[in-house]
Structures are given as C-alpha cells and as structure tokens.
Amino acid sequence: MSNSSFSDIKDKVCVITGACGVFGNKFAVGLLGLGAKVAVIDYKQGRCDECAVNLIKESGGPAHCILANVLKKETLVDAKKEINDKFGQIDVLINGAGGNAPNATTKNTFMTPENLSDLNGSFFGLELDGFKHVFDLNFLGTVLPTMVFAEDMLGRGGSIINISSMNSYRPLTKIPAYSAAKASINNFTEWLAVHLAKANVRVNAIAPGFFLTSQNEFLLVDEKTKELTPRGQQIISGTPLGRFGKPEDLLGTLFYLVSDISKFVTGVVIPVDGGFNAYSGV
C-alpha cells in the first residue's frame, strides 16, 4: 500500500484512547509514520511515559502521551486542553480503549444436564461488577471521550473511529458482557453518524476478528503448553484465512477511515476478520 494514497493524513491531529494497548500502539505508529500529530491517552503515568518512549523508537516521529481516564470526564477535559495547546484542534478520534475480563467470562460453554448444578461456572455465577466493568470500559469508554474530543470537529469536519468486534455480530460463547458491549458500539456508531452528519463529522467503526491480545490469550492459548486451546483451534478452523490477525492487518482500514478518501463513508462497521463472518463452517 502506497503511503501517497493517504497523503492528506499528514498534520491531522489524531487522538487515540487505549493507545498503549496492542491495537492502539500499532495505530499510533502507523499514523505517526504518515506524518499525523498523534496524542495517545492512557490512565497510568508510568505506562504512559514508557508508551511515548517506545512510540518514538518505533516510528521516529514525535509522540505525546497524556494522562486521562476514559471513564472520568474531568480528566478528558484536561487532556483536551493539553492537546489543543500542543497541537491545535482535533481532527480524528480513535476510541481504542476496551477489553474483556475473566470475572465477566463463564467457565462452561453450555449449560447441560450434567452441569446444571454448577451455577458458578455459568451465566448465573458471573459477578455483576465484572459485567459492569466490561460494559463501562467498552461502551462508556467510547461515549465519554467522544463527548469531549469530538467537539473540536463540529462544523470543521472530522472522523471518529470506534473499535468494535466481530463478537458484536456473532456473540461468542463464554463472553456475554464483551459481546453485548461491542454490539452497543455498533448501534452507537450508526446513531452518532446520523446525528453528526450535517455537522460534517463522520463516525465509523472497525470490527476486528480474532487477534491474540492480553485480554483473550487466557482463553485461546494453554498457559502451560502454549498450544492452542480447543477454543483457539475452533476459531482457526472457522477463519478461512487460517490464522489469527496481526495488529498491522488493521492499518489499511484505519488509514482509509482517517483519510478524506472515505469522505462519503459514515455509519458503517467494517469487519477485518479473515473471512470469519462470511464462513458458515461448511
């Protein structure tokens, strides 16, 4: 892919939440490589500092990490002021904060006659705090940054890119909170795209398929043998391209949605899933 196809990305002010995670880090490196002005958001000071240093090493470009919590609006308002002072008005927001949690994940795939008494391993044994944490992080952690950072785009134009998941289309067993939260991202993306269309702000989402991350590795790779779990093997067999995605596989779609090349595209959720959603299994 020729970088010249996305030459208009140069000097755009891009804000990335969750930027010190696997996807967010790759997004930041890619956009810095295209000449964007990138502000990365994280809520831990040490990790934020380390993230900025690593981004400079990987991209060779200037990286600015700002401390803020996507669930605390006042910290986001402070972060926006810092971004405006350093870079100017914001052109692009990538809502990359999110993830799953073990205490929002069922042990058993199905409730069967043999395990009906094992409520702790089922939906009925999930901790509400875990469910709430996953929903808040993924959904409210998208809503609040958008309320704050996207204000700069009104009338000027801009692009908001939310990170959904293929779980939003086809909910996976064991992870009801994560699947429901990502489904809410799709609906919110479509709603906000309509709401902001006449303000010249585009809103879209990317729905990654299966990528190995720190949030899902405990489900897909056996901790002791490092071999794929039965669930991991099942995923690969249901993915026509026959592998897990790599974070860089998302960059082409990201650049497209950031760039003015996609200026007539709004309200869509684009799967990047190796064909998983298209495959019936037969």
Protein backbone atom coordinates (compact mmCIF):
# COMPACT_ATOMS: atom_id res chain seq x y z
CA MET A 1 0.00 0.00 0.00
CA SER A 2 1.45 3.33 -1.05
CA ASN A 3 1.64 5.96 1.66
CA SER A 4 0.93 8.58 -1.01
CA SER A 5 -2.65 7.32 -1.11
CA PHE A 6 -3.09 8.79 2.36
CA SER A 7 -1.05 11.96 2.00
CA ASP A 8 -3.88 14.07 3.44
CA ILE A 9 -3.36 12.39 6.84
CA LYS A 10 -0.17 14.43 7.29
CA ASP A 11 -0.56 17.02 10.05
CA LYS A 12 -4.01 15.80 11.10
CA VAL A 13 -4.36 15.92 14.88
CA CYS A 14 -5.28 12.40 15.97
CA VAL A 15 -6.27 11.32 19.48
CA ILE A 16 -6.11 7.62 20.37
CA THR A 17 -7.55 6.21 23.56
CA GLY A 18 -6.22 2.86 24.69
CA ALA A 19 -3.13 3.79 22.75
CA CYS A 20 -0.72 1.86 24.94
CA GLY A 21 -2.51 -1.40 24.16
CA VAL A 22 -1.71 -3.74 21.29
CA PHE A 23 -4.02 -2.17 18.71
CA GLY A 24 -3.66 1.43 19.87
CA ASN A 25 0.13 1.23 19.80
CA LYS A 26 0.10 -0.04 16.22
CA PHE A 27 -2.40 2.67 15.24
CA ALA A 28 -0.15 5.35 16.71
CA VAL A 29 2.97 4.05 14.98
CA GLY A 30 1.15 3.88 11.65
CA LEU A 31 -0.30 7.38 11.87
CA LEU A 32 3.00 8.88 13.05
CA GLY A 33 4.61 7.26 10.02
CA LEU A 34 2.16 9.15 7.79
CA GLY A 35 3.02 12.47 9.43
CA ALA A 36 -0.01 12.82 11.70
CA LYS A 37 0.22 14.64 15.01
CA VAL A 38 -0.68 11.94 17.50
CA ALA A 39 -1.80 12.29 21.11
CA VAL A 40 -2.08 8.99 22.92
CA ILE A 41 -4.23 8.63 26.03
CA ASP A 42 -3.55 6.32 28.97
CA TYR A 43 -4.53 6.40 32.63
CA LYS A 44 -1.29 5.12 34.19
CA GLN A 45 1.61 7.58 34.43
CA GLY A 46 4.47 5.08 34.18
CA ARG A 47 2.89 3.19 31.30
CA CYS A 48 2.10 6.45 29.53
CA ASP A 49 5.73 7.59 29.73
CA GLU A 50 7.02 4.21 28.57
CA CYS A 51 4.49 4.15 25.75
CA ALA A 52 5.66 7.54 24.44
CA VAL A 53 9.32 6.45 24.51
CA ASN A 54 8.52 3.23 22.64
CA LEU A 55 6.47 5.08 20.04
CA ILE A 56 9.35 7.43 19.32
CA LYS A 57 11.68 4.45 18.89
CA GLU A 58 9.28 2.59 16.59
CA SER A 59 8.07 5.47 14.46
CA GLY A 60 10.88 8.01 14.60
CA GLY A 61 8.24 10.69 14.98
CA PRO A 62 7.22 12.84 17.94
CA ALA A 63 4.80 11.11 20.31
CA HIS A 64 2.90 12.78 23.12
CA CYS A 65 1.25 10.66 25.82
CA ILE A 66 -1.34 12.34 28.01
CA LEU A 67 -2.72 11.04 31.27
CA ALA A 68 -6.52 10.62 31.31
CA ASN A 69 -9.17 8.07 32.25
CA VAL A 70 -11.81 7.35 29.61
CA LEU A 71 -14.39 6.89 32.40
CA LYS A 72 -13.67 10.23 34.10
CA LYS A 73 -14.85 13.18 32.07
CA GLU A 74 -12.90 15.80 34.00
CA THR A 75 -9.59 14.10 33.13
CA LEU A 76 -10.59 14.02 29.46
CA VAL A 77 -11.42 17.74 29.51
CA ASP A 78 -7.95 18.46 30.95
CA ALA A 79 -6.37 16.22 28.32
CA LYS A 80 -8.20 18.05 25.52
CA LYS A 81 -6.88 21.38 26.71
CA GLU A 82 -3.35 19.98 26.72
CA ILE A 83 -3.80 18.57 23.20
CA ASN A 84 -5.22 21.85 21.90
CA ASP A 85 -2.34 23.80 23.41
CA LYS A 86 0.26 21.50 21.89
CA PHE A 87 -1.24 20.56 18.51
CA GLY A 88 -4.34 22.67 17.85
CA GLN A 89 -7.86 21.44 17.20
CA ILE A 90 -8.56 17.72 16.96
CA ASP A 91 -9.33 16.19 13.56
CA VAL A 92 -9.55 12.47 14.35
CA LEU A 93 -10.63 10.45 17.38
CA ILE A 94 -9.92 6.73 17.61
CA ASN A 95 -11.77 5.13 20.51
CA GLY A 96 -9.47 2.21 21.17
CA ALA A 97 -9.98 1.68 24.91
CA GLY A 98 -11.72 -1.58 25.73
CA GLY A 99 -11.27 -5.21 26.67
CA ASN A 100 -12.74 -8.24 28.41
CA ALA A 101 -12.23 -9.56 31.96
CA PRO A 102 -12.03 -13.07 33.47
CA ASN A 103 -14.77 -12.32 36.02
CA ALA A 104 -17.16 -11.49 33.18
CA THR A 105 -16.42 -14.80 31.42
CA THR A 106 -18.23 -18.08 32.04
CA LYS A 107 -16.21 -21.23 32.74
CA ASN A 108 -18.66 -23.50 30.89
CA THR A 109 -19.55 -23.07 27.24
CA PHE A 110 -23.04 -24.51 27.63
CA MET A 111 -25.39 -25.37 30.45
CA THR A 112 -26.06 -29.08 30.06
CA PRO A 113 -27.98 -31.66 32.10
CA GLU A 114 -24.61 -32.70 33.56
CA ASN A 115 -23.61 -29.28 34.90
CA LEU A 116 -26.92 -27.66 35.85
CA SER A 117 -25.84 -27.65 39.48
CA ASP A 118 -22.60 -25.77 38.65
CA LEU A 119 -24.09 -22.30 38.64
CA ASN A 120 -20.73 -20.72 39.41
CA GLY A 121 -19.44 -21.84 36.01
CA SER A 122 -22.41 -20.41 34.15
CA PHE A 123 -24.06 -17.09 33.41
CA PHE A 124 -25.71 -17.27 36.83
CA GLY A 125 -22.33 -17.22 38.53
CA LEU A 126 -20.96 -14.13 36.82
CA GLU A 127 -20.02 -11.19 39.01
CA LEU A 128 -22.10 -8.13 38.27
CA ASP A 129 -19.09 -5.93 39.00
CA GLY A 130 -17.17 -7.73 36.25
CA PHE A 131 -20.06 -7.38 33.81
CA LYS A 132 -20.38 -3.68 34.64
CA HIS A 133 -16.63 -3.10 34.32
CA VAL A 134 -16.51 -4.59 30.82
CA PHE A 135 -19.60 -2.69 29.67
CA ASP A 136 -18.41 0.62 31.11
CA LEU A 137 -14.91 0.29 29.69
CA ASN A 138 -16.06 -0.56 26.17
CA PHE A 139 -19.24 1.48 25.81
CA LEU A 140 -18.99 4.43 28.21
CA GLY A 141 -15.25 4.47 27.47
CA THR A 142 -16.26 5.32 23.90
CA VAL A 143 -19.12 7.70 24.71
CA LEU A 144 -17.24 9.98 27.14
CA PRO A 145 -14.12 10.61 25.01
CA THR A 146 -16.39 11.32 22.04
CA MET A 147 -18.35 13.89 24.05
CA VAL A 148 -15.12 15.70 24.89
CA PHE A 149 -12.72 15.35 21.95
CA ALA A 150 -15.19 15.44 19.04
CA GLU A 151 -16.41 18.89 19.97
CA ASP A 152 -13.46 20.34 18.01
CA MET A 153 -14.74 18.71 14.82
CA LEU A 154 -18.19 20.31 14.73
CA GLY A 155 -18.53 22.33 11.54
CA ARG A 156 -14.82 21.93 10.71
CA GLY A 157 -15.12 18.27 9.81
CA GLY A 158 -13.53 15.22 11.33
CA SER A 159 -13.52 11.47 11.67
CA ILE A 160 -14.47 9.36 14.69
CA ILE A 161 -13.44 5.71 14.54
CA ASN A 162 -14.76 3.30 17.14
CA ILE A 163 -13.30 -0.15 17.75
CA SER A 164 -15.98 -2.81 17.74
CA SER A 165 -15.52 -6.58 17.37
CA MET A 166 -16.88 -9.46 15.34
CA ASN A 167 -18.46 -10.55 18.63
CA SER A 168 -20.92 -7.73 18.05
CA TYR A 169 -22.34 -9.57 15.03
CA ARG A 170 -21.97 -13.14 16.23
CA PRO A 171 -21.81 -13.28 20.03
CA LEU A 172 -19.29 -15.82 21.21
CA THR A 173 -19.83 -18.32 23.98
CA LYS A 174 -18.40 -17.52 27.42
CA ILE A 175 -18.13 -13.72 26.99
CA PRO A 176 -21.62 -12.20 27.27
CA ALA A 177 -20.51 -8.86 28.68
CA TYR A 178 -17.92 -8.20 25.98
CA SER A 179 -20.24 -9.28 23.16
CA ALA A 180 -23.08 -7.10 24.43
CA ALA A 181 -20.79 -4.12 24.96
CA LYS A 182 -19.40 -4.32 21.43
CA ALA A 183 -22.91 -4.68 19.98
CA SER A 184 -23.73 -1.40 21.71
CA ILE A 185 -20.73 0.20 19.96
CA ASN A 186 -22.21 -0.70 16.56
CA ASN A 187 -25.57 0.84 17.41
CA PHE A 188 -23.96 3.95 18.88
CA THR A 189 -21.74 4.33 15.80
CA GLU A 190 -24.76 4.33 13.50
CA TRP A 191 -26.76 6.66 15.74
CA LEU A 192 -23.97 9.18 16.12
CA ALA A 193 -23.15 9.09 12.41
CA VAL A 194 -26.67 10.30 11.66
CA HIS A 195 -26.65 12.83 14.48
CA LEU A 196 -23.40 14.44 13.34
CA ALA A 197 -23.70 14.10 9.57
CA LYS A 198 -24.83 17.66 8.97
CA ALA A 199 -22.07 18.92 11.28
CA ASN A 200 -19.59 17.41 8.80
CA VAL A 201 -18.36 14.73 11.21
CA ARG A 202 -18.07 11.11 10.06
CA VAL A 203 -18.48 8.23 12.50
CA ASN A 204 -17.46 4.68 11.62
CA ALA A 205 -16.15 1.57 13.33
CA ILE A 206 -13.71 -1.26 12.73
CA ALA A 207 -14.71 -4.76 13.85
CA PRO A 208 -11.58 -6.90 14.28
CA GLY A 209 -11.91 -10.65 14.11
CA PHE A 210 -9.61 -12.83 16.17
CA PHE A 211 -6.34 -11.29 17.27
CA LEU A 212 -4.26 -12.64 20.14
CA THR A 213 -4.15 -9.99 22.87
CA SER A 214 -3.55 -9.91 26.60
CA GLN A 215 -7.33 -9.77 27.12
CA ASN A 216 -8.14 -13.03 25.32
CA GLU A 217 -4.93 -15.05 25.46
CA PHE A 218 -6.08 -16.91 28.59
CA LEU A 219 -8.99 -18.29 26.53
CA LEU A 220 -7.08 -19.18 23.37
CA VAL A 221 -3.65 -20.42 24.47
CA ASP A 222 -2.94 -23.04 27.13
CA GLU A 223 -0.85 -21.36 29.83
CA LYS A 224 1.32 -24.43 30.43
CA THR A 225 1.81 -25.94 26.96
CA LYS A 226 1.48 -22.70 24.97
CA GLU A 227 -0.55 -24.70 22.46
CA LEU A 228 -3.93 -23.53 21.19
CA THR A 229 -6.81 -24.43 23.45
CA PRO A 230 -9.77 -26.26 21.88
CA ARG A 231 -11.44 -22.83 21.63
CA GLY A 232 -8.41 -21.40 19.84
CA GLN A 233 -8.34 -24.33 17.42
CA GLN A 234 -12.06 -23.89 16.78
CA ILE A 235 -11.51 -20.24 15.88
CA ILE A 236 -8.73 -21.00 13.42
CA SER A 237 -10.80 -23.72 11.76
CA GLY A 238 -13.62 -21.19 11.33
CA THR A 239 -11.40 -18.50 9.82
CA PRO A 240 -10.92 -19.05 6.07
CA LEU A 241 -7.53 -17.29 6.03
CA GLY A 242 -6.37 -19.84 8.61
CA ARG A 243 -4.66 -17.62 11.17
CA PHE A 244 -5.16 -15.05 13.87
CA GLY A 245 -4.95 -11.45 12.75
CA LYS A 246 -1.88 -9.30 13.31
CA PRO A 247 -2.37 -5.75 14.59
CA GLU A 248 -0.87 -4.31 11.39
CA ASP A 249 -3.69 -6.01 9.44
CA LEU A 250 -5.98 -3.25 10.73
CA LEU A 251 -3.94 -0.34 9.42
CA GLY A 252 -5.26 -0.24 5.86
CA THR A 253 -8.84 0.07 7.10
CA LEU A 254 -7.83 2.59 9.75
CA PHE A 255 -5.98 4.82 7.26
CA TYR A 256 -8.95 4.64 4.88
CA LEU A 257 -11.36 5.88 7.56
CA VAL A 258 -8.98 8.58 8.81
CA SER A 259 -8.29 9.87 5.30
CA ASP A 260 -10.54 12.10 3.21
CA ILE A 261 -10.54 9.26 0.68
CA SER A 262 -13.53 7.96 2.68
CA LYS A 263 -15.26 11.34 2.96
CA PHE A 264 -18.62 9.90 1.78
CA VAL A 265 -18.44 6.97 4.22
CA THR A 266 -20.21 7.27 7.54
CA GLY A 267 -22.23 4.99 9.81
CA VAL A 268 -20.54 1.74 8.79
CA VAL A 269 -18.84 -1.02 10.75
CA ILE A 270 -16.09 -2.68 8.70
CA PRO A 271 -15.11 -6.27 9.57
CA VAL A 272 -11.41 -7.15 9.46
CA ASP A 273 -11.73 -10.83 10.30
CA GLY A 274 -10.02 -13.12 7.83
CA GLY A 275 -13.40 -14.19 6.45
CA PHE A 276 -14.78 -15.45 9.79
CA ASN A 277 -18.16 -13.76 9.41
CA ALA A 278 -18.62 -14.99 5.85
CA TYR A 279 -17.90 -18.65 6.61
CA SER A 280 -20.78 -20.96 7.53
CA GLY A 281 -18.45 -23.75 8.56
CA VAL A 282 -19.43 -25.88 5.57
